Amino acid sequence: MGVKAINLGTHQTLSAASMATARCELSEDQDSALHSLENNIRRLNACIARATEEGLIVELTRKSRYHSSTGAAWGDQMMPMVSSKT
């Protein structure tokens, strides 16, 4: 089974049919996890926007790479690097 990528950052540029097809290939648990991830990324982006409006510089960097218990999947865990212009 090959790896299929769903790019959350550019999902707006995918047609609705393309996104629906990609999501149909996911299990119910995978789709739920992806939905949670999408929602949390939106909240994170809103927090980053607020922090930058308050004069902070925010850069996300990879803190570690998490591997599933089976070793079949992985994901990058992020850490904010924050500094102030003032």
Protein backbone atom coordinates (compact mmCIF):
# COMPACT_ATOMS: atom_id res chain seq x y z
CA MET A 1 0.00 0.00 0.00
CA GLY A 2 1.49 3.33 -1.05
CA VAL A 3 1.47 6.54 0.91
CA LYS A 4 -1.18 9.06 -0.14
CA ALA A 5 -0.70 12.67 0.89
CA ILE A 6 -3.46 15.05 1.85
CA ASN A 7 -1.98 18.54 2.05
CA LEU A 8 -3.94 20.42 4.71
CA GLY A 9 -2.20 23.68 3.85
CA THR A 10 -3.53 23.75 0.31
CA HIS A 11 -6.85 21.99 0.72
CA GLN A 12 -8.61 25.11 -0.58
CA THR A 13 -7.03 24.60 -4.01
CA LEU A 14 -8.28 21.03 -4.32
CA SER A 15 -11.64 20.52 -5.94
CA ALA A 16 -14.40 19.34 -3.64
CA ALA A 17 -14.50 16.07 -5.59
CA SER A 18 -10.74 15.52 -5.14
CA MET A 19 -10.91 16.15 -1.41
CA ALA A 20 -13.98 13.92 -1.04
CA THR A 21 -12.20 11.13 -2.92
CA ALA A 22 -9.10 11.45 -0.72
CA ARG A 23 -11.20 11.41 2.45
CA CYS A 24 -13.27 8.41 1.27
CA GLU A 25 -10.08 6.35 1.23
CA LEU A 26 -9.58 6.98 4.96
CA SER A 27 -10.99 4.79 7.70
CA GLU A 28 -13.54 6.38 10.03
CA ASP A 29 -10.91 6.68 12.78
CA GLN A 30 -8.39 8.22 10.35
CA ASP A 31 -10.99 10.70 9.09
CA SER A 32 -11.85 11.67 12.67
CA ALA A 33 -8.16 12.16 13.52
CA LEU A 34 -7.67 14.24 10.36
CA HIS A 35 -10.72 16.38 11.20
CA SER A 36 -9.33 17.00 14.70
CA LEU A 37 -5.93 17.89 13.24
CA GLU A 38 -7.50 20.33 10.76
CA ASN A 39 -9.46 22.05 13.53
CA ASN A 40 -6.44 22.32 15.79
CA ILE A 41 -4.28 23.72 12.98
CA ARG A 42 -6.92 26.41 12.36
CA ARG A 43 -6.85 27.31 16.08
CA LEU A 44 -3.04 27.29 16.09
CA ASN A 45 -2.95 29.60 13.06
CA ALA A 46 -5.38 31.99 14.78
CA CYS A 47 -3.14 32.01 17.88
CA ILE A 48 -0.08 32.69 15.74
CA ALA A 49 -1.87 35.60 14.03
CA ARG A 50 -2.84 37.06 17.43
CA ALA A 51 0.70 36.69 18.76
CA THR A 52 2.18 38.41 15.70
CA GLU A 53 -0.37 41.23 16.03
CA GLU A 54 0.94 41.68 19.59
CA GLY A 55 4.49 42.06 18.27
CA LEU A 56 5.84 38.54 18.64
CA ILE A 57 7.76 36.65 16.00
CA VAL A 58 6.63 33.02 15.86
CA GLU A 59 8.40 30.21 14.03
CA LEU A 60 7.38 26.57 14.30
CA THR A 61 10.19 24.04 14.20
CA ARG A 62 10.18 20.28 14.44
CA LYS A 63 10.75 19.18 18.03
CA SER A 64 10.64 15.46 17.38
CA ARG A 65 9.25 12.83 15.08
CA TYR A 66 6.56 10.57 16.54
CA HIS A 67 6.33 7.01 15.20
CA SER A 68 3.17 4.94 15.58
CA SER A 69 3.31 1.84 17.75
CA THR A 70 3.42 -0.31 14.61
CA GLY A 71 6.11 1.83 12.99
CA ALA A 72 3.96 2.17 9.88
CA ALA A 73 3.31 5.89 10.24
CA TRP A 74 5.02 8.96 11.63
CA GLY A 75 4.33 12.61 12.29
CA ASP A 76 6.38 15.67 13.14
CA GLN A 77 5.76 17.22 16.55
CA MET A 78 6.22 20.98 16.58
CA MET A 79 7.66 23.53 18.99
CA PRO A 80 7.25 27.30 18.75
CA MET A 81 10.34 29.51 18.71
CA VAL A 82 9.14 32.93 19.87
CA SER A 83 10.92 36.25 20.06
CA SER A 84 9.85 39.85 20.46
CA LYS A 85 10.73 42.84 18.33
CA THR A 86 10.43 45.13 21.34
